[in-house]
């Protein structure tokens, strides 16, 4: 009795594991992601802003996701 239940559980688990693996065989291997943003400022003004390391805290993904992050900078900025 217990063996039959255990066998059914193992079969269900095997099916649950096999479905994503079999599906992955037939899914396209190519993946592409793009994003675009338009900044309504002159190119030189944007470049002068972005090149300064101190300004990167205002738009960097990692800085925005962890405001408690500690970082140090040495040398001339820009």
Protein backbone atom coordinates (compact mmCIF):
# COMPACT_ATOMS: atom_id res chain seq x y z
CA UNK A 1 0.00 0.00 0.00
CA UNK A 2 2.68 2.51 1.00
CA UNK A 3 4.81 1.52 -1.97
CA UNK A 4 1.95 2.28 -4.38
CA UNK A 5 1.47 5.73 -2.88
CA UNK A 6 5.21 6.37 -2.94
CA UNK A 7 5.39 5.21 -6.54
CA UNK A 8 2.57 7.58 -7.55
CA UNK A 9 4.25 10.50 -5.75
CA UNK A 10 7.54 9.79 -7.53
CA UNK A 11 5.79 9.59 -10.90
CA UNK A 12 4.07 12.93 -10.30
CA UNK A 13 7.37 14.52 -9.23
CA UNK A 14 9.11 13.10 -12.30
CA UNK A 15 6.41 14.57 -14.55
CA UNK A 16 6.61 17.96 -12.81
CA UNK A 17 10.39 18.01 -13.33
CA UNK A 18 10.22 16.66 -16.89
CA UNK A 19 7.69 19.17 -18.26
CA UNK A 20 9.95 22.27 -17.99
CA UNK A 21 12.95 20.31 -19.24
CA UNK A 22 11.10 19.03 -22.30
CA UNK A 23 9.60 22.47 -22.93
CA UNK A 24 13.09 24.02 -22.81
CA UNK A 25 14.16 21.82 -25.72
CA UNK A 26 11.60 23.40 -28.03
CA UNK A 27 11.89 27.03 -26.89
CA UNK A 28 14.00 29.39 -28.98
CA UNK A 29 17.57 29.79 -27.74
CA UNK A 30 17.85 33.38 -28.96
CA UNK A 31 16.88 36.11 -26.55
CA UNK A 32 17.21 39.84 -26.93
CA UNK A 33 16.19 42.73 -24.70
CA UNK A 34 16.37 46.41 -25.51
CA UNK A 35 15.43 49.62 -23.84
CA UNK A 36 15.65 53.18 -25.01
CA UNK A 37 15.34 56.55 -23.36
CA UNK A 38 15.20 60.00 -24.91
CA UNK A 39 16.92 62.82 -23.06
CA UNK A 40 15.82 66.26 -24.16
CA UNK A 41 19.17 67.96 -23.58
CA UNK A 42 22.14 68.73 -25.81
CA UNK A 43 24.61 65.85 -26.15
CA UNK A 44 27.50 67.81 -24.67
CA UNK A 45 25.49 68.74 -21.58
CA UNK A 46 24.51 65.10 -21.02
CA UNK A 47 28.10 63.92 -21.55
CA UNK A 48 29.48 66.48 -19.10
CA UNK A 49 26.94 65.34 -16.50
CA UNK A 50 27.43 61.59 -16.97
CA UNK A 51 31.24 61.68 -16.99
CA UNK A 52 31.34 62.90 -13.39
CA UNK A 53 31.38 59.95 -10.97
CA UNK A 54 29.60 61.93 -8.27
CA UNK A 55 26.59 62.35 -10.60
CA UNK A 56 26.25 58.63 -11.27
CA UNK A 57 24.55 58.18 -7.89
CA UNK A 58 21.56 60.01 -9.35
CA UNK A 59 20.86 57.51 -12.15
CA UNK A 60 22.87 54.32 -11.56
CA UNK A 61 20.74 51.21 -11.08
CA UNK A 62 22.94 49.79 -8.31
CA UNK A 63 23.07 53.05 -6.40
CA UNK A 64 19.30 53.47 -6.59
CA UNK A 65 18.63 49.89 -5.47
CA UNK A 66 20.96 50.16 -2.44
CA UNK A 67 21.06 53.69 -1.01
CA UNK A 68 23.14 52.44 1.98
CA UNK A 69 25.99 51.36 -0.33
CA UNK A 70 29.33 52.82 0.65
CA UNK A 71 31.76 53.83 -2.08
CA UNK A 72 34.98 55.75 -2.27
CA UNK A 73 36.47 57.74 -5.10
CA UNK A 74 40.07 58.81 -5.56
CA UNK A 75 41.65 61.07 -8.10
CA UNK A 76 40.27 63.75 -10.36
CA UNK A 77 36.59 63.35 -11.21
CA UNK A 78 35.56 63.52 -14.84
